[in-house]
C-alpha atoms as a PDB file:
ATOM      1  CA  MET A   1      31.879  37.728  45.855  1.00  0.00           C
ATOM      2  CA  HIS A   2      33.461  34.547  44.468  1.00  0.00           C
ATOM      3  CA  CYS A   3      35.197  33.709  41.187  1.00  0.00           C
ATOM      4  CA  ASP A   4      35.744  30.073  40.165  1.00  0.00           C
ATOM      5  CA  SER A   5      39.069  28.939  38.779  1.00  0.00           C
ATOM      6  CA  PRO A   6      39.082  28.262  35.025  1.00  0.00           C
ATOM      7  CA  CYS A   7      41.122  25.089  35.599  1.00  0.00           C
ATOM      8  CA  ASN A   8      39.681  22.123  33.722  1.00  0.00           C
ATOM      9  CA  GLY A   9      42.235  19.493  34.702  1.00  0.00           C
ATOM     10  CA  ILE A  10      44.393  19.695  31.565  1.00  0.00           C
ATOM     11  CA  CYS A  11      47.510  20.931  33.341  1.00  0.00           C
ATOM     12  CA  GLN A  12      50.328  21.163  30.838  1.00  0.00           C
ATOM     13  CA  LEU A  13      52.276  24.270  29.830  1.00  0.00           C
ATOM     14  CA  ASP A  14      53.054  25.080  26.203  1.00  0.00           C
ATOM     15  CA  HIS A  15      56.155  26.793  24.809  1.00  0.00           C
ATOM     16  CA  ALA A  16      54.668  30.225  25.633  1.00  0.00           C
ATOM     17  CA  ASP A  17      54.140  29.273  29.317  1.00  0.00           C
ATOM     18  CA  HIS A  18      50.339  29.030  28.929  1.00  0.00           C
ATOM     19  CA  CYS A  19      48.413  26.105  30.342  1.00  0.00           C
ATOM     20  CA  LEU A  20      46.910  24.030  27.526  1.00  0.00           C
ATOM     21  CA  GLY A  21      43.733  23.595  29.552  1.00  0.00           C
ATOM     22  CA  CYS A  22      42.888  27.013  30.936  1.00  0.00           C
ATOM     23  CA  LEU A  23      45.358  29.281  29.082  1.00  0.00           C
ATOM     24  CA  ARG A  24      46.601  30.944  32.249  1.00  0.00           C
ATOM     25  CA  THR A  25      50.315  31.530  32.654  1.00  0.00           C
ATOM     26  CA  ARG A  26      52.344  29.717  35.280  1.00  0.00           C
ATOM     27  CA  GLY A  27      52.373  32.934  37.349  1.00  0.00           C
ATOM     28  CA  GLU A  28      48.610  33.419  37.055  1.00  0.00           C
ATOM     29  CA  ILE A  29      48.004  29.850  38.165  1.00  0.00           C
ATOM     30  CA  ALA A  30      50.372  30.181  41.127  1.00  0.00           C
ATOM     31  CA  ALA A  31      48.871  33.493  42.256  1.00  0.00           C
ATOM     32  CA  TRP A  32      45.182  32.603  41.706  1.00  0.00           C
ATOM     33  CA  SER A  33      44.363  31.663  45.294  1.00  0.00           C
ATOM     34  CA  GLU A  34      45.823  34.940  46.609  1.00  0.00           C
ATOM     35  CA  MET A  35      44.213  37.219  43.984  1.00  0.00           C
ATOM     36  CA  ALA A  36      41.345  39.552  44.775  1.00  0.00           C
ATOM     37  CA  VAL A  37      38.197  39.009  42.708  1.00  0.00           C
ATOM     38  CA  PRO A  38      38.863  42.005  40.397  1.00  0.00           C
ATOM     39  CA  GLU A  39      42.315  40.576  39.607  1.00  0.00           C
ATOM     40  CA  LYS A  40      40.762  37.198  38.820  1.00  0.00           C
ATOM     41  CA  TYR A  41      38.314  38.818  36.408  1.00  0.00           C
ATOM     42  CA  PHE A  42      41.244  40.580  34.744  1.00  0.00           C
ATOM     43  CA  VAL A  43      42.954  37.187  34.268  1.00  0.00           C
ATOM     44  CA  LEU A  44      39.723  35.654  32.934  1.00  0.00           C
ATOM     45  CA  THR A  45      39.485  38.468  30.383  1.00  0.00           C
ATOM     46  CA  ALA A  46      43.067  37.781  29.306  1.00  0.00           C
ATOM     47  CA  VAL A  47      42.272  34.059  29.050  1.00  0.00           C
ATOM     48  CA  ARG A  48      39.267  34.799  26.827  1.00  0.00           C
ATOM     49  CA  GLU A  49      41.460  36.914  24.547  1.00  0.00           C
ATOM     50  CA  ARG A  50      44.127  34.189  24.407  1.00  0.00           C
ATOM     51  CA  ARG A  51      41.501  31.620  23.493  1.00  0.00           C
ATOM     52  CA  GLU A  52      40.307  33.793  20.594  1.00  0.00           C
ATOM     53  CA  LEU A  53      43.897  33.994  19.344  1.00  0.00           C
ATOM     54  CA  SER A  54      44.674  30.299  19.875  1.00  0.00           C
ATOM     55  CA  PRO A  55      42.367  28.046  17.844  1.00  0.00           C
ATOM     56  CA  THR A  56      44.862  25.181  18.235  1.00  0.00           C
ATOM     57  CA  ILE A  57      44.156  25.105  21.970  1.00  0.00           C
ATOM     58  CA  ILE A  58      40.468  24.547  21.272  1.00  0.00           C
ATOM     59  CA  ARG A  59      41.327  21.684  18.880  1.00  0.00           C
ATOM     60  CA  TYR A  60      43.547  20.156  21.568  1.00  0.00           C
ATOM     61  CA  GLU A  61      40.710  20.251  24.100  1.00  0.00           C
ATOM     62  CA  LEU A  62      38.235  18.729  21.660  1.00  0.00           C
ATOM     63  CA  THR A  63      40.526  15.865  20.643  1.00  0.00           C
ATOM     64  CA  THR A  64      41.522  14.992  24.199  1.00  0.00           C
ATOM     65  CA  ALA A  65      37.976  15.169  25.545  1.00  0.00           C
ATOM     66  CA  ALA A  66      36.747  12.331  23.313  1.00  0.00           C
END
């Protein structure tokens, strides 16, 4: 089984240590390649929850994508 990285090339950390592009923490990004698939799905669930709580991140992505 395989799980793609959520990285979208916007690699900049905010004040809370979350990537502005994928919303993973610095530690999650660093550990991604060594994680088992279930751990990656756990991180992706956390990312989804962070995105729901961070509408400013979505605005950032939309304004930089244009």
